[in-house]
C-alpha atoms as a PDB file:
ATOM      1  CA  ILE A   1     -12.311   4.730  23.691  1.00  0.00           C
ATOM      2  CA  SER A   2     -13.205   6.595  20.530  1.00  0.00           C
ATOM      3  CA  LEU A   3     -13.186  10.398  20.175  1.00  0.00           C
ATOM      4  CA  ARG A   4     -15.694  11.302  17.484  1.00  0.00           C
ATOM      5  CA  SER A   5     -17.815  14.158  16.235  1.00  0.00           C
ATOM      6  CA  LEU A   6     -20.124  15.850  18.767  1.00  0.00           C
ATOM      7  CA  VAL A   7     -23.130  15.731  16.485  1.00  0.00           C
ATOM      8  CA  CYS A   8     -25.752  16.765  19.048  1.00  0.00           C
ATOM      9  CA  ASN A   9     -24.920  20.473  18.640  1.00  0.00           C
ATOM     10  CA  ARG A  10     -22.867  22.354  16.079  1.00  0.00           C
ATOM     11  CA  ASN A  11     -21.458  24.868  18.588  1.00  0.00           C
ATOM     12  CA  ILE A  12     -19.672  22.509  20.945  1.00  0.00           C
ATOM     13  CA  LYS A  13     -16.096  21.339  20.953  1.00  0.00           C
ATOM     14  CA  TYR A  14     -13.409  19.736  23.060  1.00  0.00           C
ATOM     15  CA  ILE A  15     -11.358  22.209  25.046  1.00  0.00           C
ATOM     16  CA  ASP A  16      -8.427  23.600  23.077  1.00  0.00           C
ATOM     17  CA  GLY A  17      -5.035  21.971  23.629  1.00  0.00           C
ATOM     18  CA  GLU A  18      -1.579  23.491  23.707  1.00  0.00           C
ATOM     19  CA  ASP A  19      -0.494  25.595  20.722  1.00  0.00           C
ATOM     20  CA  PRO A  20      -3.952  25.702  19.106  1.00  0.00           C
ATOM     21  CA  ASP A  21      -4.741  27.191  15.731  1.00  0.00           C
ATOM     22  CA  GLU A  22      -5.423  30.792  16.769  1.00  0.00           C
ATOM     23  CA  GLN A  23      -7.957  31.528  14.055  1.00  0.00           C
ATOM     24  CA  ARG A  24      -9.975  28.462  14.896  1.00  0.00           C
ATOM     25  CA  ALA A  25      -9.721  29.208  18.623  1.00  0.00           C
ATOM     26  CA  ALA A  26     -11.033  32.744  18.062  1.00  0.00           C
ATOM     27  CA  ARG A  27     -13.840  31.530  15.833  1.00  0.00           C
ATOM     28  CA  THR A  28     -15.015  29.019  18.437  1.00  0.00           C
ATOM     29  CA  VAL A  29     -14.294  31.026  21.592  1.00  0.00           C
ATOM     30  CA  ASN A  30     -17.984  31.167  22.562  1.00  0.00           C
ATOM     31  CA  TRP A  31     -18.669  27.500  21.902  1.00  0.00           C
ATOM     32  CA  THR A  32     -19.410  25.119  24.749  1.00  0.00           C
ATOM     33  CA  ALA A  33     -16.140  23.306  25.501  1.00  0.00           C
ATOM     34  CA  PHE A  34     -15.817  19.830  27.039  1.00  0.00           C
ATOM     35  CA  ASP A  35     -12.664  18.963  28.946  1.00  0.00           C
ATOM     36  CA  ILE A  36     -11.436  15.573  27.702  1.00  0.00           C
ATOM     37  CA  GLY A  37      -8.604  15.533  30.210  1.00  0.00           C
ATOM     38  CA  ILE A  38     -10.579  12.977  32.215  1.00  0.00           C
ATOM     39  CA  ILE A  39      -9.393  10.408  29.691  1.00  0.00           C
ATOM     40  CA  SER A  40      -5.947  10.588  31.265  1.00  0.00           C
ATOM     41  CA  SER A  41      -7.306   8.822  34.360  1.00  0.00           C
ATOM     42  CA  PHE A  42      -7.912   5.623  32.368  1.00  0.00           C
ATOM     43  CA  ARG A  43      -4.449   4.248  33.004  1.00  0.00           C
ATOM     44  CA  ARG A  44      -5.331   0.751  31.780  1.00  0.00           C
ATOM     45  CA  LEU A  45      -6.649   1.967  28.431  1.00  0.00           C
ATOM     46  CA  ARG A  46      -5.818  -0.501  25.629  1.00  0.00           C
ATOM     47  CA  SER A  47      -7.327   1.142  22.525  1.00  0.00           C
ATOM     48  CA  LEU A  48      -7.798   4.774  21.453  1.00  0.00           C
ATOM     49  CA  GLU A  49      -9.306   6.001  18.197  1.00  0.00           C
ATOM     50  CA  ILE A  50      -9.430   9.670  17.197  1.00  0.00           C
ATOM     51  CA  ASP A  51     -11.882  10.283  14.359  1.00  0.00           C
ATOM     52  CA  GLU A  52     -11.547  13.080  11.802  1.00  0.00           C
ATOM     53  CA  GLY A  53     -14.785  14.607  13.104  1.00  0.00           C
ATOM     54  CA  ALA A  54     -13.524  15.048  16.668  1.00  0.00           C
ATOM     55  CA  PRO A  55     -13.452  18.856  17.343  1.00  0.00           C
ATOM     56  CA  LEU A  56      -9.886  19.029  18.640  1.00  0.00           C
ATOM     57  CA  ASN A  57      -7.542  21.981  18.297  1.00  0.00           C
ATOM     58  CA  GLY A  58      -3.884  21.843  19.270  1.00  0.00           C
ATOM     59  CA  ARG A  59      -1.575  19.446  21.070  1.00  0.00           C
ATOM     60  CA  TYR A  60      -2.914  17.071  23.743  1.00  0.00           C
ATOM     61  CA  ASN A  61       0.065  15.334  25.360  1.00  0.00           C
ATOM     62  CA  PHE A  62      -2.138  13.285  27.703  1.00  0.00           C
ATOM     63  CA  LEU A  63      -3.640  11.445  24.703  1.00  0.00           C
ATOM     64  CA  PHE A  64      -0.207   9.885  24.170  1.00  0.00           C
ATOM     65  CA  ASN A  65       0.517   8.837  27.734  1.00  0.00           C
ATOM     66  CA  PHE A  66      -1.018   5.442  28.449  1.00  0.00           C
ATOM     67  CA  PRO A  67       1.345   2.730  29.737  1.00  0.00           C
ATOM     68  CA  LEU A  68      -0.806  -0.202  28.520  1.00  0.00           C
ATOM     69  CA  LEU A  69      -2.149   1.191  25.232  1.00  0.00           C
ATOM     70  CA  LYS A  70      -1.855  -1.315  22.374  1.00  0.00           C
ATOM     71  CA  ILE A  71      -3.860   0.295  19.554  1.00  0.00           C
ATOM     72  CA  LEU A  72      -3.810   3.956  18.486  1.00  0.00           C
ATOM     73  CA  ARG A  73      -5.616   5.113  15.361  1.00  0.00           C
ATOM     74  CA  ILE A  74      -5.832   8.742  14.200  1.00  0.00           C
ATOM     75  CA  GLU A  75      -7.975   9.872  11.285  1.00  0.00           C
ATOM     76  CA  GLY A  76      -6.761  13.371  10.464  1.00  0.00           C
ATOM     77  CA  SER A  77      -8.418  16.215   8.604  1.00  0.00           C
ATOM     78  CA  SER A  78      -9.875  15.771   5.150  1.00  0.00           C
ATOM     79  CA  PHE A  79     -11.005  18.338   2.624  1.00  0.00           C
ATOM     80  CA  ASP A  80     -14.592  17.551   3.553  1.00  0.00           C
ATOM     81  CA  SER A  81     -14.099  17.577   7.329  1.00  0.00           C
ATOM     82  CA  LYS A  82     -11.974  20.354   8.846  1.00  0.00           C
ATOM     83  CA  LEU A  83     -13.213  20.050  12.410  1.00  0.00           C
ATOM     84  CA  ILE A  84     -10.063  18.413  13.719  1.00  0.00           C
ATOM     85  CA  ASN A  85      -6.877  20.388  14.099  1.00  0.00           C
ATOM     86  CA  LEU A  86      -4.898  17.911  16.149  1.00  0.00           C
ATOM     87  CA  LYS A  87      -1.153  18.433  16.364  1.00  0.00           C
ATOM     88  CA  CYS A  88       1.058  15.481  17.208  1.00  0.00           C
ATOM     89  CA  ASP A  89       4.580  14.227  16.660  1.00  0.00           C
ATOM     90  CA  LEU A  90       5.969  10.707  16.415  1.00  0.00           C
ATOM     91  CA  GLY A  91       8.182  11.484  19.388  1.00  0.00           C
ATOM     92  CA  MET A  92       5.059  11.612  21.559  1.00  0.00           C
ATOM     93  CA  LEU A  93       4.663   7.835  21.119  1.00  0.00           C
ATOM     94  CA  SER A  94       7.322   7.305  23.773  1.00  0.00           C
ATOM     95  CA  GLY A  95       4.425   7.686  26.205  1.00  0.00           C
ATOM     96  CA  VAL A  96       2.754   4.498  24.929  1.00  0.00           C
ATOM     97  CA  PRO A  97       5.537   1.904  25.409  1.00  0.00           C
ATOM     98  CA  MET A  98       3.322  -1.147  24.799  1.00  0.00           C
ATOM     99  CA  LEU A  99       1.900   0.029  21.459  1.00  0.00           C
ATOM    100  CA  GLU A 100       1.383  -2.710  18.856  1.00  0.00           C
ATOM    101  CA  VAL A 101      -0.719  -0.940  16.211  1.00  0.00           C
ATOM    102  CA  PHE A 102      -0.267   2.661  15.101  1.00  0.00           C
ATOM    103  CA  SER A 103      -2.341   4.122  12.279  1.00  0.00           C
ATOM    104  CA  CYS A 104      -2.572   7.724  11.128  1.00  0.00           C
ATOM    105  CA  SER A 105      -4.032   9.118   7.926  1.00  0.00           C
ATOM    106  CA  ASP A 106      -4.328  12.817   7.240  1.00  0.00           C
ATOM    107  CA  LYS A 107      -5.618  14.002   3.883  1.00  0.00           C
ATOM    108  CA  LEU A 108      -4.430  17.554   4.552  1.00  0.00           C
ATOM    109  CA  GLY A 109      -1.023  16.154   5.407  1.00  0.00           C
ATOM    110  CA  ASP A 110      -0.021  18.273   8.411  1.00  0.00           C
ATOM    111  CA  CYS A 111      -1.597  16.621  11.478  1.00  0.00           C
ATOM    112  CA  LEU A 112       1.366  14.335  12.204  1.00  0.00           C
ATOM    113  CA  THR A 113       5.017  15.383  12.088  1.00  0.00           C
ATOM    114  CA  GLY A 114       8.347  13.790  12.929  1.00  0.00           C
ATOM    115  CA  ASN A 115      10.901  11.214  11.840  1.00  0.00           C
ATOM    116  CA  ILE A 116      10.101   7.498  11.756  1.00  0.00           C
ATOM    117  CA  ASN A 117      13.334   6.931  13.628  1.00  0.00           C
ATOM    118  CA  SER A 118      11.303   8.027  16.681  1.00  0.00           C
ATOM    119  CA  LEU A 119       9.438   4.707  16.430  1.00  0.00           C
ATOM    120  CA  ARG A 120      12.544   2.859  17.589  1.00  0.00           C
ATOM    121  CA  VAL A 121      11.397   3.249  21.209  1.00  0.00           C
ATOM    122  CA  LEU A 122       8.661   0.762  20.208  1.00  0.00           C
ATOM    123  CA  LYS A 123      10.977  -1.701  18.448  1.00  0.00           C
ATOM    124  CA  GLY A 124       9.970  -4.641  20.617  1.00  0.00           C
ATOM    125  CA  THR A 125       6.184  -4.178  20.396  1.00  0.00           C
ATOM    126  CA  LEU A 126       5.110  -2.669  17.064  1.00  0.00           C
ATOM    127  CA  GLU A 127       3.323  -5.059  14.699  1.00  0.00           C
ATOM    128  CA  GLU A 128       1.500  -2.652  12.368  1.00  0.00           C
ATOM    129  CA  VAL A 129       2.556   0.814  11.240  1.00  0.00           C
ATOM    130  CA  GLU A 130       0.185   2.607   8.885  1.00  0.00           C
ATOM    131  CA  ILE A 131       1.115   6.226   8.192  1.00  0.00           C
ATOM    132  CA  TYR A 132      -0.242   7.633   4.957  1.00  0.00           C
ATOM    133  CA  ASP A 133      -1.184  11.034   3.558  1.00  0.00           C
ATOM    134  CA  CYS A 134       1.126  12.482   6.234  1.00  0.00           C
ATOM    135  CA  HIS A 135       3.436  14.682   4.189  1.00  0.00           C
ATOM    136  CA  GLU A 136       5.504  15.899   7.139  1.00  0.00           C
ATOM    137  CA  ILE A 137       6.745  12.431   8.126  1.00  0.00           C
ATOM    138  CA  GLN A 138      10.396  11.987   7.205  1.00  0.00           C
ATOM    139  CA  GLY A 139      13.232   9.524   7.696  1.00  0.00           C
ATOM    140  CA  ASN A 140      14.529   6.320   6.129  1.00  0.00           C
ATOM    141  CA  PHE A 141      12.245   3.273   6.186  1.00  0.00           C
ATOM    142  CA  MET A 142      15.279   1.050   6.872  1.00  0.00           C
ATOM    143  CA  ASP A 143      15.337   2.455  10.421  1.00  0.00           C
ATOM    144  CA  LEU A 144      12.570  -0.084  11.098  1.00  0.00           C
ATOM    145  CA  ALA A 145      14.328  -3.043   9.439  1.00  0.00           C
ATOM    146  CA  ASP A 146      15.244  -4.774  12.709  1.00  0.00           C
ATOM    147  CA  PHE A 147      11.771  -4.606  14.285  1.00  0.00           C
ATOM    148  CA  PRO A 148      11.200  -8.298  15.133  1.00  0.00           C
ATOM    149  CA  ARG A 149       7.366  -8.207  15.256  1.00  0.00           C
ATOM    150  CA  LEU A 150       6.578  -5.768  12.441  1.00  0.00           C
ATOM    151  CA  LYS A 151       4.094  -7.419  10.066  1.00  0.00           C
ATOM    152  CA  GLU A 152       2.612  -4.439   8.203  1.00  0.00           C
ATOM    153  CA  LEU A 153       4.337  -1.265   7.046  1.00  0.00           C
ATOM    154  CA  HIS A 154       2.371   1.316   5.058  1.00  0.00           C
ATOM    155  CA  LEU A 155       4.059   4.680   4.433  1.00  0.00           C
ATOM    156  CA  GLU A 156       2.334   5.877   1.254  1.00  0.00           C
ATOM    157  CA  ASP A 157       2.281   9.635   0.578  1.00  0.00           C
ATOM    158  CA  THR A 158       4.860  10.510   3.216  1.00  0.00           C
ATOM    159  CA  ALA A 159       8.278  12.158   2.781  1.00  0.00           C
ATOM    160  CA  VAL A 160      10.072   8.964   3.855  1.00  0.00           C
ATOM    161  CA  THR A 161      13.030   7.961   1.682  1.00  0.00           C
ATOM    162  CA  GLY A 162      15.305   4.964   1.185  1.00  0.00           C
ATOM    163  CA  ASP A 163      16.141   2.207  -1.291  1.00  0.00           C
ATOM    164  CA  ILE A 164      14.481  -1.219  -1.359  1.00  0.00           C
ATOM    165  CA  ARG A 165      17.733  -2.689  -2.684  1.00  0.00           C
ATOM    166  CA  GLU A 166      19.101  -2.266   0.836  1.00  0.00           C
ATOM    167  CA  ILE A 167      16.646  -4.807   2.274  1.00  0.00           C
ATOM    168  CA  GLY A 168      18.661  -7.856   3.244  1.00  0.00           C
ATOM    169  CA  GLU A 169      17.613 -11.385   4.142  1.00  0.00           C
ATOM    170  CA  LYS A 170      17.773 -10.581   7.855  1.00  0.00           C
ATOM    171  CA  ASP A 171      15.716  -7.379   7.588  1.00  0.00           C
ATOM    172  CA  PHE A 172      11.960  -7.118   8.236  1.00  0.00           C
ATOM    173  CA  LEU A 173      11.811 -10.800   9.175  1.00  0.00           C
ATOM    174  CA  ALA A 174       8.108 -10.795  10.144  1.00  0.00           C
ATOM    175  CA  LEU A 175       6.873  -8.507   7.344  1.00  0.00           C
ATOM    176  CA  GLU A 176       3.772  -9.619   5.417  1.00  0.00           C
ATOM    177  CA  TYR A 177       2.533  -6.342   3.885  1.00  0.00           C
ATOM    178  CA  LEU A 178       4.600  -3.445   2.500  1.00  0.00           C
ATOM    179  CA  VAL A 179       3.701  -0.136   0.858  1.00  0.00           C
ATOM    180  CA  LEU A 180       6.501   2.409   0.529  1.00  0.00           C
ATOM    181  CA  PRO A 181       6.181   5.994  -0.782  1.00  0.00           C
ATOM    182  CA  ASP A 182       7.437   7.214  -4.135  1.00  0.00           C
ATOM    183  CA  GLY A 183      10.408   8.894  -2.462  1.00  0.00           C
ATOM    184  CA  VAL A 184      11.874   5.427  -1.897  1.00  0.00           C
ATOM    185  CA  TYR A 185      13.743   3.801  -4.781  1.00  0.00           C
ATOM    186  CA  GLY A 186      11.333   1.035  -5.786  1.00  0.00           C
ATOM    187  CA  GLY A 187       8.463   2.452  -3.719  1.00  0.00           C
ATOM    188  CA  LYS A 188       4.877   2.610  -4.929  1.00  0.00           C
ATOM    189  CA  GLY A 189       4.649   5.234  -7.669  1.00  0.00           C
ATOM    190  CA  TYR A 190       8.434   5.690  -7.905  1.00  0.00           C
ATOM    191  CA  GLU A 191       9.323   7.919 -10.854  1.00  0.00           C
ATOM    192  CA  PHE A 192      12.189   7.087 -13.201  1.00  0.00           C
ATOM    193  CA  GLN A 193      13.622   9.409 -15.814  1.00  0.00           C
ATOM    194  CA  ASN A 194      13.967   7.167 -18.853  1.00  0.00           C
ATOM    195  CA  ILE A 195      12.256   4.120 -20.307  1.00  0.00           C
ATOM    196  CA  SER A 196      15.595   2.330 -20.077  1.00  0.00           C
ATOM    197  CA  ASP A 197      15.564   2.790 -16.270  1.00  0.00           C
ATOM    198  CA  ALA A 198      12.415   0.697 -15.839  1.00  0.00           C
ATOM    199  CA  ALA A 199      14.183  -2.669 -16.000  1.00  0.00           C
ATOM    200  CA  ASP A 200      16.430  -1.903 -13.005  1.00  0.00           C
ATOM    201  CA  VAL A 201      13.493  -0.637 -10.926  1.00  0.00           C
ATOM    202  CA  ALA A 202      11.363  -3.672 -11.772  1.00  0.00           C
ATOM    203  CA  LYS A 203      14.230  -6.060 -11.018  1.00  0.00           C
ATOM    204  CA  ALA A 204      14.759  -4.426  -7.619  1.00  0.00           C
ATOM    205  CA  VAL A 205      11.128  -5.057  -6.696  1.00  0.00           C
ATOM    206  CA  TYR A 206      11.321  -8.532  -8.249  1.00  0.00           C
ATOM    207  CA  SER A 207      14.269  -9.384  -5.987  1.00  0.00           C
ATOM    208  CA  ILE A 208      12.221  -8.526  -2.904  1.00  0.00           C
ATOM    209  CA  LYS A 209       9.326 -10.697  -4.126  1.00  0.00           C
ATOM    210  CA  LYS A 210      11.636 -13.634  -4.810  1.00  0.00           C
ATOM    211  CA  GLN A 211      13.245 -13.202  -1.410  1.00  0.00           C
ATOM    212  CA  ARG A 212       9.801 -13.003   0.274  1.00  0.00           C
ATOM    213  CA  PRO A 213       7.252 -14.848  -1.936  1.00  0.00           C
ATOM    214  CA  SER A 214       4.386 -14.283   0.519  1.00  0.00           C
ATOM    215  CA  LEU A 215       5.049 -10.540   0.921  1.00  0.00           C
ATOM    216  CA  LEU A 216       2.131  -8.456  -0.346  1.00  0.00           C
ATOM    217  CA  LEU A 217       3.190  -5.342  -2.274  1.00  0.00           C
ATOM    218  CA  GLU A 218      -0.290  -3.921  -2.731  1.00  0.00           C
ATOM    219  CA  ASP A 219      -0.952  -2.329  -6.138  1.00  0.00           C
ATOM    220  CA  TRP A 220       2.735  -1.617  -6.751  1.00  0.00           C
ATOM    221  CA  TYR A 221       3.644   0.408  -9.813  1.00  0.00           C
ATOM    222  CA  GLY A 222       6.412   2.641 -11.120  1.00  0.00           C
ATOM    223  CA  ARG A 223       5.985   5.477 -13.581  1.00  0.00           C
ATOM    224  CA  LEU A 224       7.865   7.389 -16.214  1.00  0.00           C
ATOM    225  CA  SER A 225       8.460  10.980 -15.096  1.00  0.00           C
ATOM    226  CA  SER A 226       6.552  13.660 -16.997  1.00  0.00           C
ATOM    227  CA  HIS A 227       9.921  15.445 -17.248  1.00  0.00           C
ATOM    228  CA  SER A 228      11.450  12.509 -19.105  1.00  0.00           C
ATOM    229  CA  PRO A 229      12.504  13.004 -22.737  1.00  0.00           C
ATOM    230  CA  ASP A 230      10.636   9.734 -23.409  1.00  0.00           C
ATOM    231  CA  TRP A 231       7.343  11.019 -22.002  1.00  0.00           C
ATOM    232  CA  TYR A 232       4.518  12.373 -24.142  1.00  0.00           C
ATOM    233  CA  ASP A 233       1.132  13.838 -23.395  1.00  0.00           C
ATOM    234  CA  ASP A 234      -1.902  11.599 -23.784  1.00  0.00           C
ATOM    235  CA  TRP A 235      -5.340  13.082 -23.290  1.00  0.00           C
ATOM    236  CA  PHE A 236      -7.008   9.666 -23.333  1.00  0.00           C
ATOM    237  CA  GLU A 237      -4.647   8.143 -20.721  1.00  0.00           C
ATOM    238  CA  ARG A 238      -4.061   5.121 -22.946  1.00  0.00           C
ATOM    239  CA  ALA A 239      -0.313   5.447 -23.370  1.00  0.00           C
ATOM    240  CA  PRO A 240       1.492   2.690 -21.415  1.00  0.00           C
ATOM    241  CA  LEU A 241       3.819   4.859 -19.309  1.00  0.00           C
ATOM    242  CA  HIS A 242       3.593   2.920 -16.018  1.00  0.00           C
ATOM    243  CA  ILE A 243       5.096  -0.424 -15.060  1.00  0.00           C
ATOM    244  CA  CYS A 244       3.560  -3.045 -12.784  1.00  0.00           C
ATOM    245  CA  LEU A 245       4.526  -6.482 -11.538  1.00  0.00           C
ATOM    246  CA  VAL A 246       2.928  -9.466 -13.228  1.00  0.00           C
ATOM    247  CA  GLU A 247       2.490 -12.804 -11.506  1.00  0.00           C
ATOM    248  CA  ALA A 248       1.311 -16.071 -13.037  1.00  0.00           C
ATOM    249  CA  GLY A 249       1.687 -19.015 -10.722  1.00  0.00           C
ATOM    250  CA  SER A 250       5.260 -18.822  -9.433  1.00  0.00           C
ATOM    251  CA  ARG A 251       6.455 -16.903 -12.500  1.00  0.00           C
ATOM    252  CA  LEU A 252       7.151 -13.178 -12.111  1.00  0.00           C
ATOM    253  CA  GLY A 253       7.677 -10.417 -14.618  1.00  0.00           C
ATOM    254  CA  TYR A 254       6.610  -6.889 -15.366  1.00  0.00           C
ATOM    255  CA  GLN A 255       4.853  -4.972 -18.101  1.00  0.00           C
ATOM    256  CA  TRP A 256       4.143  -1.457 -19.211  1.00  0.00           C
ATOM    257  CA  GLU A 257       0.545  -0.362 -18.922  1.00  0.00           C
ATOM    258  CA  SER A 258      -1.645   2.718 -19.129  1.00  0.00           C
ATOM    259  CA  VAL A 259      -3.780   4.309 -16.435  1.00  0.00           C
ATOM    260  CA  ASN A 260      -6.702   2.538 -18.120  1.00  0.00           C
ATOM    261  CA  ASN A 261      -4.953  -0.875 -17.876  1.00  0.00           C
ATOM    262  CA  GLN A 262      -4.058  -1.167 -21.560  1.00  0.00           C
ATOM    263  CA  SER A 263      -0.832  -3.155 -21.488  1.00  0.00           C
ATOM    264  CA  CYS A 264       2.255  -4.021 -23.484  1.00  0.00           C
ATOM    265  CA  GLU A 265       3.656  -7.536 -23.702  1.00  0.00           C
ATOM    266  CA  VAL A 266       4.997  -9.059 -20.492  1.00  0.00           C
ATOM    267  CA  ILE A 267       8.724  -9.024 -19.847  1.00  0.00           C
ATOM    268  CA  TRP A 268       9.184 -12.234 -17.873  1.00  0.00           C
ATOM    269  CA  LEU A 269      11.987 -12.386 -15.313  1.00  0.00           C
ATOM    270  CA  ASP A 270      11.422 -16.072 -14.485  1.00  0.00           C
ATOM    271  CA  PRO A 271      11.448 -19.039 -16.876  1.00  0.00           C
ATOM    272  CA  GLU A 272       8.188 -20.782 -17.693  1.00  0.00           C
ATOM    273  CA  PRO A 273       7.415 -23.517 -15.136  1.00  0.00           C
ATOM    274  CA  GLU A 274       7.764 -27.134 -16.234  1.00  0.00           C
ATOM    275  CA  ARG A 275       4.608 -28.870 -17.432  1.00  0.00           C
ATOM    276  CA  GLU A 276       5.035 -31.426 -14.667  1.00  0.00           C
ATOM    277  CA  SER A 277       5.255 -28.770 -11.922  1.00  0.00           C
ATOM    278  CA  SER A 278       2.486 -28.502  -9.339  1.00  0.00           C
ATOM    279  CA  ASP A 279       1.520 -24.922 -10.279  1.00  0.00           C
ATOM    280  CA  TYR A 280       1.579 -25.316 -14.077  1.00  0.00           C
ATOM    281  CA  GLU A 281      -2.221 -25.379 -14.451  1.00  0.00           C
ATOM    282  CA  GLU A 282      -2.545 -22.304 -12.256  1.00  0.00           C
ATOM    283  CA  TYR A 283       0.160 -20.627 -14.337  1.00  0.00           C
ATOM    284  CA  ILE A 284      -1.636 -21.335 -17.629  1.00  0.00           C
ATOM    285  CA  GLU A 285      -4.952 -20.072 -16.249  1.00  0.00           C
ATOM    286  CA  GLN A 286      -3.448 -16.823 -14.972  1.00  0.00           C
ATOM    287  CA  LEU A 287      -1.338 -16.403 -18.111  1.00  0.00           C
ATOM    288  CA  ASP A 288      -4.479 -16.518 -20.241  1.00  0.00           C
ATOM    289  CA  HIS A 289      -6.018 -13.719 -18.164  1.00  0.00           C
ATOM    290  CA  ILE A 290      -2.842 -11.630 -18.493  1.00  0.00           C
ATOM    291  CA  GLU A 291      -2.633 -12.144 -22.262  1.00  0.00           C
ATOM    292  CA  LYS A 292      -6.196 -10.925 -22.732  1.00  0.00           C
ATOM    293  CA  ARG A 293      -5.193  -7.580 -21.218  1.00  0.00           C
ATOM    294  CA  VAL A 294      -2.366  -7.007 -23.695  1.00  0.00           C
ATOM    295  CA  TYR A 295      -3.399  -4.213 -26.042  1.00  0.00           C
ATOM    296  CA  PHE A 296      -0.067  -3.163 -27.542  1.00  0.00           C
ATOM    297  CA  ARG A 297       0.754  -6.436 -29.292  1.00  0.00           C
ATOM    298  CA  GLY A 298       4.406  -6.789 -30.216  1.00  0.00           C
ATOM    299  CA  PHE A 299       5.487  -3.943 -27.918  1.00  0.00           C
ATOM    300  CA  PHE A 300       7.555  -4.855 -24.869  1.00  0.00           C
ATOM    301  CA  GLU A 301       8.058  -1.201 -23.963  1.00  0.00           C
ATOM    302  CA  PRO A 302       6.002   1.920 -24.725  1.00  0.00           C
ATOM    303  CA  PRO A 303       5.613   2.865 -28.363  1.00  0.00           C
ATOM    304  CA  THR A 304       7.153   6.165 -29.358  1.00  0.00           C
ATOM    305  CA  GLU A 305       4.785   9.111 -29.576  1.00  0.00           C
ATOM    306  CA  GLU A 306       4.741   8.762 -33.356  1.00  0.00           C
ATOM    307  CA  GLU A 307       3.978   5.029 -33.168  1.00  0.00           C
ATOM    308  CA  TYR A 308       1.302   5.655 -30.557  1.00  0.00           C
ATOM    309  CA  ASN A 309      -0.447   8.301 -32.655  1.00  0.00           C
ATOM    310  CA  MET A 310      -0.279   6.133 -35.770  1.00  0.00           C
ATOM    311  CA  LEU A 311      -1.737   3.202 -33.857  1.00  0.00           C
ATOM    312  CA  TYR A 312      -4.711   5.196 -32.634  1.00  0.00           C
ATOM    313  CA  CYS A 313      -5.308   6.756 -36.020  1.00  0.00           C
ATOM    314  CA  PHE A 314      -5.501   3.216 -37.407  1.00  0.00           C
ATOM    315  CA  VAL A 315      -7.866   2.103 -34.618  1.00  0.00           C
ATOM    316  CA  ARG A 316     -10.220   5.044 -35.193  1.00  0.00           C
ATOM    317  CA  ARG A 317     -10.339   4.373 -38.930  1.00  0.00           C
ATOM    318  CA  SER A 318     -11.024   0.642 -38.604  1.00  0.00           C
END
């Protein structure tokens, strides 16, 4: 079942739930309201999707009470679509004990609340957890470390915390895909205070990749804090003040790069593979592609502000 926008008429809605937004309820008091409570009679429901255009307002406990539900996806409010005002909490998922896939995105950040520790009631079933742009979600991601079937974990833009250095060999045994928020040490977009801190952050992420070679850390990067004494303003966004992982064959390293992908030299954390190794040709091919992206030749970390300005003055003159 999918709850979507009621596009046939602009002045219709689903009946308000518990604890609705009072202003919205008053504004729509004369609208035609449809009672979606009938959904609760579908006790064998396996999949439920709630679209951002669904005109909901408040808390609907019956939407989280299906004994056989396996897939639940919620697309919360966006800045372009403010029809939905659904209120829900991770604790409500105790009513869907067979859930395998849970996805919730909310660009306004306040649709979903709770602590990810509440997901432990689903330890034996969850395979995919995708919670992003949900700023009220808290907890430590390691609370899910012993979930035996968890393959995908995406917690970007949440208030979840933790430290990837705590991931041990017996944690997240089934994990194939991982995106952690910047509040986690080593998470995507993690901010460090000094250029000298970058090596430890990169090595922490490197250790996870070496431990789990097939684990996908999608678009991972770390960044120098704008409050750092090493940071400087750059109107053209060419200063290499972010770090990213670099992979060529089986060889891993990291490099500093700008928002516009202008990079420093690679700092390799693995030795070069032997010429006789099976992935050497792949390594050389990927290495060539990486080298072509290096803009700051001879720099293995960001140039100072003075060096950066001198470099660009030289480029503009030449």
